[in-house]
């Protein structure tokens, strides 16, 4: 029986050791390798030093975080399946992670049985989103559905740091028209200012957060 080979990418040694010990209890999973950060993983994987079916990837790491790893993997011809392990503090990046090709996401406090089932599902090509996280995506989808294409376009430009005058020039619209769009946009997003609107644009996956 072929065991699913799993590789851990997490900057916390205790997390890696504990996860490896737990996964060792699963009869159909083999977890014998890990990386202490994203950069080490990418270097070893592209050098052919890592043979794995599924990568359990932490989102928040020094030296290339989860998003950075996914960006690197997306440029490769062959890449392993990736299952994100995250905390509620990182949910703003999950939409972006899925857009970059992640195959699923789970909270770090997941039960072993659910983790095992998720690894098996991801290995079979299924998308796995833990029920506790699905509400995050439903909220993002509902907010995006309320925005017009023009408002999304303006939100991206706000996130790029453009003023109303600069946005008006780029879109060939009157500055007053843009001001009205921005006012409606802030109201729909339930934010007070352009800084909060920029953070919301990252949360909704419309722009990438600068690291």
C-alpha atoms as a PDB file:
ATOM      1  CA  UNK A   1       0.000   0.000   0.000  1.00  0.00           C
ATOM      2  CA  UNK A   2       1.396   3.345  -1.084  1.00  0.00           C
ATOM      3  CA  UNK A   3       1.640   5.796   1.798  1.00  0.00           C
ATOM      4  CA  UNK A   4       0.966   9.489   1.184  1.00  0.00           C
ATOM      5  CA  UNK A   5       4.267  11.320   1.636  1.00  0.00           C
ATOM      6  CA  UNK A   6       3.806  14.542   3.620  1.00  0.00           C
ATOM      7  CA  UNK A   7       6.352  17.340   4.107  1.00  0.00           C
ATOM      8  CA  UNK A   8       5.979  20.017   6.819  1.00  0.00           C
ATOM      9  CA  UNK A   9       6.963  23.652   6.326  1.00  0.00           C
ATOM     10  CA  UNK A  10       6.796  25.541   9.634  1.00  0.00           C
ATOM     11  CA  UNK A  11       9.263  27.800  11.430  1.00  0.00           C
ATOM     12  CA  UNK A  12       8.411  26.396  14.886  1.00  0.00           C
ATOM     13  CA  UNK A  13      10.431  23.265  15.712  1.00  0.00           C
ATOM     14  CA  UNK A  14       7.947  22.056  18.328  1.00  0.00           C
ATOM     15  CA  UNK A  15       5.087  22.303  15.848  1.00  0.00           C
ATOM     16  CA  UNK A  16       7.041  20.293  13.275  1.00  0.00           C
ATOM     17  CA  UNK A  17       8.041  17.628  15.793  1.00  0.00           C
ATOM     18  CA  UNK A  18       4.552  17.369  17.272  1.00  0.00           C
ATOM     19  CA  UNK A  19       2.896  17.194  13.856  1.00  0.00           C
ATOM     20  CA  UNK A  20       5.308  14.518  12.658  1.00  0.00           C
ATOM     21  CA  UNK A  21       4.631  12.446  15.774  1.00  0.00           C
ATOM     22  CA  UNK A  22       0.862  12.753  15.303  1.00  0.00           C
ATOM     23  CA  UNK A  23       0.956  11.928  11.603  1.00  0.00           C
ATOM     24  CA  UNK A  24       3.085   8.899  12.465  1.00  0.00           C
ATOM     25  CA  UNK A  25      -0.046   7.466  14.081  1.00  0.00           C
ATOM     26  CA  UNK A  26      -1.840   7.494  10.706  1.00  0.00           C
ATOM     27  CA  UNK A  27      -1.383   4.202   8.908  1.00  0.00           C
ATOM     28  CA  UNK A  28      -1.506   5.585   5.362  1.00  0.00           C
ATOM     29  CA  UNK A  29       0.636   8.708   5.866  1.00  0.00           C
ATOM     30  CA  UNK A  30       4.402   9.004   5.972  1.00  0.00           C
ATOM     31  CA  UNK A  31       5.801  12.266   7.351  1.00  0.00           C
ATOM     32  CA  UNK A  32       9.559  12.028   7.651  1.00  0.00           C
ATOM     33  CA  UNK A  33      10.753  15.400   6.354  1.00  0.00           C
ATOM     34  CA  UNK A  34      10.275  19.078   7.168  1.00  0.00           C
ATOM     35  CA  UNK A  35      11.632  22.567   6.461  1.00  0.00           C
ATOM     36  CA  UNK A  36      12.100  25.406   8.936  1.00  0.00           C
ATOM     37  CA  UNK A  37      10.977  28.131   6.519  1.00  0.00           C
ATOM     38  CA  UNK A  38       9.665  28.672   3.024  1.00  0.00           C
ATOM     39  CA  UNK A  39      13.003  29.554   1.483  1.00  0.00           C
ATOM     40  CA  UNK A  40      14.646  26.357   2.737  1.00  0.00           C
ATOM     41  CA  UNK A  41      11.745  24.334   1.347  1.00  0.00           C
ATOM     42  CA  UNK A  42      11.819  25.954  -2.106  1.00  0.00           C
ATOM     43  CA  UNK A  43      15.597  25.598  -2.365  1.00  0.00           C
ATOM     44  CA  UNK A  44      15.494  21.922  -1.399  1.00  0.00           C
ATOM     45  CA  UNK A  45      12.421  21.137  -3.507  1.00  0.00           C
ATOM     46  CA  UNK A  46      13.752  22.752  -6.682  1.00  0.00           C
ATOM     47  CA  UNK A  47      17.077  20.962  -6.101  1.00  0.00           C
ATOM     48  CA  UNK A  48      15.213  17.646  -6.094  1.00  0.00           C
ATOM     49  CA  UNK A  49      15.983  16.921  -2.444  1.00  0.00           C
ATOM     50  CA  UNK A  50      12.347  16.643  -1.354  1.00  0.00           C
ATOM     51  CA  UNK A  51      10.024  13.886  -2.552  1.00  0.00           C
ATOM     52  CA  UNK A  52       6.523  14.566  -1.300  1.00  0.00           C
ATOM     53  CA  UNK A  53       2.876  14.227  -2.305  1.00  0.00           C
ATOM     54  CA  UNK A  54       1.374  16.842   0.034  1.00  0.00           C
ATOM     55  CA  UNK A  55       2.965  19.863   1.725  1.00  0.00           C
ATOM     56  CA  UNK A  56       1.536  21.112   5.021  1.00  0.00           C
ATOM     57  CA  UNK A  57       2.361  24.806   4.776  1.00  0.00           C
ATOM     58  CA  UNK A  58       2.393  27.422   7.531  1.00  0.00           C
ATOM     59  CA  UNK A  59       1.275  30.891   6.428  1.00  0.00           C
ATOM     60  CA  UNK A  60       3.425  33.031   8.688  1.00  0.00           C
ATOM     61  CA  UNK A  61       7.183  32.412   8.480  1.00  0.00           C
ATOM     62  CA  UNK A  62      10.398  34.409   8.174  1.00  0.00           C
ATOM     63  CA  UNK A  63      12.363  33.965   4.950  1.00  0.00           C
ATOM     64  CA  UNK A  64       9.484  33.384   2.535  1.00  0.00           C
ATOM     65  CA  UNK A  65       6.019  32.980   4.014  1.00  0.00           C
ATOM     66  CA  UNK A  66       3.215  30.738   2.778  1.00  0.00           C
ATOM     67  CA  UNK A  67       2.137  33.151   0.048  1.00  0.00           C
ATOM     68  CA  UNK A  68       5.725  33.432  -1.161  1.00  0.00           C
ATOM     69  CA  UNK A  69       6.057  29.647  -1.301  1.00  0.00           C
ATOM     70  CA  UNK A  70       2.852  29.341  -3.349  1.00  0.00           C
ATOM     71  CA  UNK A  71       4.067  32.039  -5.741  1.00  0.00           C
ATOM     72  CA  UNK A  72       7.307  30.105  -6.269  1.00  0.00           C
ATOM     73  CA  UNK A  73       5.507  26.787  -6.746  1.00  0.00           C
ATOM     74  CA  UNK A  74       3.084  28.302  -9.271  1.00  0.00           C
ATOM     75  CA  UNK A  75       6.022  28.925 -11.603  1.00  0.00           C
ATOM     76  CA  UNK A  76       7.138  25.286 -11.598  1.00  0.00           C
ATOM     77  CA  UNK A  77       6.067  22.625 -14.092  1.00  0.00           C
ATOM     78  CA  UNK A  78       5.368  20.082 -11.372  1.00  0.00           C
ATOM     79  CA  UNK A  79       4.449  20.893  -7.797  1.00  0.00           C
ATOM     80  CA  UNK A  80       3.057  18.959  -4.833  1.00  0.00           C
ATOM     81  CA  UNK A  81      -0.411  19.458  -3.416  1.00  0.00           C
ATOM     82  CA  UNK A  82      -0.443  22.160  -0.729  1.00  0.00           C
ATOM     83  CA  UNK A  83      -2.584  22.169   2.402  1.00  0.00           C
ATOM     84  CA  UNK A  84      -2.429  25.413   4.361  1.00  0.00           C
ATOM     85  CA  UNK A  85      -2.275  25.256   8.164  1.00  0.00           C
ATOM     86  CA  UNK A  86      -3.293  28.599   9.587  1.00  0.00           C
ATOM     87  CA  UNK A  87      -4.748  30.568  12.481  1.00  0.00           C
ATOM     88  CA  UNK A  88      -7.767  32.870  12.446  1.00  0.00           C
ATOM     89  CA  UNK A  89      -5.273  35.770  12.459  1.00  0.00           C
ATOM     90  CA  UNK A  90      -4.140  34.766   8.965  1.00  0.00           C
ATOM     91  CA  UNK A  91      -7.528  34.417   7.296  1.00  0.00           C
ATOM     92  CA  UNK A  92      -7.051  37.632   5.294  1.00  0.00           C
ATOM     93  CA  UNK A  93      -4.460  35.795   3.198  1.00  0.00           C
ATOM     94  CA  UNK A  94      -6.400  32.595   2.603  1.00  0.00           C
ATOM     95  CA  UNK A  95      -8.304  33.900  -0.424  1.00  0.00           C
ATOM     96  CA  UNK A  96      -4.985  34.858  -1.970  1.00  0.00           C
ATOM     97  CA  UNK A  97      -3.474  31.472  -1.104  1.00  0.00           C
ATOM     98  CA  UNK A  98      -6.289  29.620  -2.874  1.00  0.00           C
ATOM     99  CA  UNK A  99      -5.962  31.867  -5.918  1.00  0.00           C
ATOM    100  CA  UNK A 100      -2.269  30.926  -6.038  1.00  0.00           C
ATOM    101  CA  UNK A 101      -3.124  27.237  -6.148  1.00  0.00           C
ATOM    102  CA  UNK A 102      -3.377  26.027  -2.553  1.00  0.00           C
ATOM    103  CA  UNK A 103      -5.496  22.879  -2.404  1.00  0.00           C
ATOM    104  CA  UNK A 104      -7.033  23.498   0.996  1.00  0.00           C
ATOM    105  CA  UNK A 105      -6.796  25.185   4.374  1.00  0.00           C
ATOM    106  CA  UNK A 106      -7.221  24.078   7.966  1.00  0.00           C
ATOM    107  CA  UNK A 107      -6.853  25.744  11.337  1.00  0.00           C
ATOM    108  CA  UNK A 108      -3.787  24.656  13.293  1.00  0.00           C
ATOM    109  CA  UNK A 109      -5.908  23.291  16.138  1.00  0.00           C
ATOM    110  CA  UNK A 110      -7.574  20.752  13.822  1.00  0.00           C
ATOM    111  CA  UNK A 111      -8.244  17.260  15.177  1.00  0.00           C
ATOM    112  CA  UNK A 112      -5.941  14.518  13.882  1.00  0.00           C
ATOM    113  CA  UNK A 113      -8.806  12.612  12.227  1.00  0.00           C
ATOM    114  CA  UNK A 114      -9.846  15.711  10.261  1.00  0.00           C
ATOM    115  CA  UNK A 115      -6.253  16.445   9.288  1.00  0.00           C
ATOM    116  CA  UNK A 116      -5.786  12.881   8.044  1.00  0.00           C
ATOM    117  CA  UNK A 117      -8.997  13.046   6.024  1.00  0.00           C
ATOM    118  CA  UNK A 118      -7.971  16.425   4.558  1.00  0.00           C
ATOM    119  CA  UNK A 119      -4.564  15.116   3.487  1.00  0.00           C
ATOM    120  CA  UNK A 120      -6.215  12.138   1.792  1.00  0.00           C
ATOM    121  CA  UNK A 121      -8.759  14.389   0.038  1.00  0.00           C
ATOM    122  CA  UNK A 122      -6.139  16.875  -1.156  1.00  0.00           C
ATOM    123  CA  UNK A 123      -3.967  14.001  -2.389  1.00  0.00           C
ATOM    124  CA  UNK A 124      -6.938  12.845  -4.489  1.00  0.00           C
ATOM    125  CA  UNK A 125      -7.274  16.308  -6.051  1.00  0.00           C
ATOM    126  CA  UNK A 126     -10.124  17.657  -3.947  1.00  0.00           C
ATOM    127  CA  UNK A 127     -10.333  21.173  -2.495  1.00  0.00           C
ATOM    128  CA  UNK A 128     -10.603  21.165   1.292  1.00  0.00           C
ATOM    129  CA  UNK A 129     -11.770  24.149   3.332  1.00  0.00           C
ATOM    130  CA  UNK A 130     -12.444  23.529   7.006  1.00  0.00           C
ATOM    131  CA  UNK A 131     -16.017  24.408   7.976  1.00  0.00           C
ATOM    132  CA  UNK A 132     -14.773  26.880  10.597  1.00  0.00           C
ATOM    133  CA  UNK A 133     -13.084  28.838   7.787  1.00  0.00           C
ATOM    134  CA  UNK A 134     -15.846  28.632   5.187  1.00  0.00           C
ATOM    135  CA  UNK A 135     -17.688  31.576   6.767  1.00  0.00           C
ATOM    136  CA  UNK A 136     -14.620  33.738   6.066  1.00  0.00           C
ATOM    137  CA  UNK A 137     -14.917  33.038   2.348  1.00  0.00           C
ATOM    138  CA  UNK A 138     -18.691  33.414   2.302  1.00  0.00           C
ATOM    139  CA  UNK A 139     -18.287  36.862   3.856  1.00  0.00           C
ATOM    140  CA  UNK A 140     -15.653  37.848   1.281  1.00  0.00           C
ATOM    141  CA  UNK A 141     -17.827  36.591  -1.576  1.00  0.00           C
ATOM    142  CA  UNK A 142     -20.856  38.534  -0.319  1.00  0.00           C
ATOM    143  CA  UNK A 143     -18.836  41.757  -0.017  1.00  0.00           C
ATOM    144  CA  UNK A 144     -17.363  41.326  -3.498  1.00  0.00           C
ATOM    145  CA  UNK A 145     -20.837  40.671  -4.907  1.00  0.00           C
ATOM    146  CA  UNK A 146     -21.971  44.082  -3.642  1.00  0.00           C
ATOM    147  CA  UNK A 147     -19.202  45.938  -5.474  1.00  0.00           C
ATOM    148  CA  UNK A 148     -19.555  47.018  -9.089  1.00  0.00           C
ATOM    149  CA  UNK A 149     -16.691  46.361 -11.515  1.00  0.00           C
ATOM    150  CA  UNK A 150     -15.883  50.094 -11.423  1.00  0.00           C
ATOM    151  CA  UNK A 151     -15.761  50.073  -7.608  1.00  0.00           C
ATOM    152  CA  UNK A 152     -13.426  47.065  -7.620  1.00  0.00           C
ATOM    153  CA  UNK A 153     -11.216  48.886 -10.120  1.00  0.00           C
ATOM    154  CA  UNK A 154     -11.139  52.008  -7.943  1.00  0.00           C
ATOM    155  CA  UNK A 155     -10.454  49.948  -4.806  1.00  0.00           C
ATOM    156  CA  UNK A 156      -7.382  48.414  -6.452  1.00  0.00           C
ATOM    157  CA  UNK A 157      -6.142  51.896  -7.412  1.00  0.00           C
ATOM    158  CA  UNK A 158      -6.734  53.153  -3.857  1.00  0.00           C
ATOM    159  CA  UNK A 159      -4.687  50.219  -2.593  1.00  0.00           C
ATOM    160  CA  UNK A 160      -1.916  51.278  -4.969  1.00  0.00           C
ATOM    161  CA  UNK A 161      -1.842  54.657  -3.202  1.00  0.00           C
ATOM    162  CA  UNK A 162      -3.471  56.789  -5.898  1.00  0.00           C
ATOM    163  CA  UNK A 163      -5.389  59.943  -4.928  1.00  0.00           C
ATOM    164  CA  UNK A 164      -8.871  60.753  -6.236  1.00  0.00           C
ATOM    165  CA  UNK A 165      -7.307  63.149  -8.735  1.00  0.00           C
ATOM    166  CA  UNK A 166      -4.868  60.484  -9.981  1.00  0.00           C
ATOM    167  CA  UNK A 167      -7.637  57.872 -10.224  1.00  0.00           C
ATOM    168  CA  UNK A 168      -9.801  60.339 -12.167  1.00  0.00           C
ATOM    169  CA  UNK A 169      -6.975  60.963 -14.636  1.00  0.00           C
ATOM    170  CA  UNK A 170      -6.307  57.249 -15.096  1.00  0.00           C
ATOM    171  CA  UNK A 171      -9.978  56.371 -15.642  1.00  0.00           C
ATOM    172  CA  UNK A 172     -10.778  59.521 -17.663  1.00  0.00           C
ATOM    173  CA  UNK A 173     -13.507  60.523 -15.208  1.00  0.00           C
ATOM    174  CA  UNK A 174     -14.280  63.754 -13.355  1.00  0.00           C
ATOM    175  CA  UNK A 175     -12.701  63.979  -9.900  1.00  0.00           C
ATOM    176  CA  UNK A 176     -16.155  64.570  -8.387  1.00  0.00           C
ATOM    177  CA  UNK A 177     -17.391  61.315  -9.926  1.00  0.00           C
ATOM    178  CA  UNK A 178     -14.471  59.407  -8.420  1.00  0.00           C
ATOM    179  CA  UNK A 179     -15.095  61.076  -5.055  1.00  0.00           C
ATOM    180  CA  UNK A 180     -18.676  59.775  -5.116  1.00  0.00           C
ATOM    181  CA  UNK A 181     -17.480  56.273  -6.050  1.00  0.00           C
ATOM    182  CA  UNK A 182     -14.962  56.297  -3.188  1.00  0.00           C
ATOM    183  CA  UNK A 183     -17.637  57.448  -0.726  1.00  0.00           C
ATOM    184  CA  UNK A 184     -19.961  54.625  -1.813  1.00  0.00           C
ATOM    185  CA  UNK A 185     -17.064  52.180  -1.686  1.00  0.00           C
ATOM    186  CA  UNK A 186     -16.111  53.061   1.890  1.00  0.00           C
ATOM    187  CA  UNK A 187     -19.746  52.706   2.905  1.00  0.00           C
ATOM    188  CA  UNK A 188     -20.129  49.270   1.305  1.00  0.00           C
ATOM    189  CA  UNK A 189     -16.873  48.045   2.825  1.00  0.00           C
ATOM    190  CA  UNK A 190     -17.846  49.500   6.216  1.00  0.00           C
ATOM    191  CA  UNK A 191     -14.478  51.212   6.618  1.00  0.00           C
ATOM    192  CA  UNK A 192     -13.566  54.768   7.645  1.00  0.00           C
ATOM    193  CA  UNK A 193     -10.662  55.662   5.398  1.00  0.00           C
ATOM    194  CA  UNK A 194      -8.426  54.684   2.481  1.00  0.00           C
ATOM    195  CA  UNK A 195      -5.964  52.803   4.701  1.00  0.00           C
ATOM    196  CA  UNK A 196      -8.722  50.507   5.969  1.00  0.00           C
ATOM    197  CA  UNK A 197     -10.018  50.172   2.399  1.00  0.00           C
ATOM    198  CA  UNK A 198      -6.548  49.002   1.317  1.00  0.00           C
ATOM    199  CA  UNK A 199      -6.508  46.355   4.060  1.00  0.00           C
ATOM    200  CA  UNK A 200      -9.966  45.247   2.956  1.00  0.00           C
ATOM    201  CA  UNK A 201      -8.741  44.955  -0.652  1.00  0.00           C
ATOM    202  CA  UNK A 202      -6.007  42.583   0.587  1.00  0.00           C
ATOM    203  CA  UNK A 203      -8.532  40.621   2.635  1.00  0.00           C
ATOM    204  CA  UNK A 204     -10.793  40.218  -0.391  1.00  0.00           C
ATOM    205  CA  UNK A 205      -7.890  39.021  -2.528  1.00  0.00           C
ATOM    206  CA  UNK A 206      -8.055  41.961  -4.944  1.00  0.00           C
ATOM    207  CA  UNK A 207      -4.471  43.002  -4.279  1.00  0.00           C
ATOM    208  CA  UNK A 208      -1.410  41.401  -2.753  1.00  0.00           C
ATOM    209  CA  UNK A 209      -0.001  42.637   0.526  1.00  0.00           C
ATOM    210  CA  UNK A 210       3.514  43.965   0.254  1.00  0.00           C
ATOM    211  CA  UNK A 211       5.903  42.035   2.458  1.00  0.00           C
END
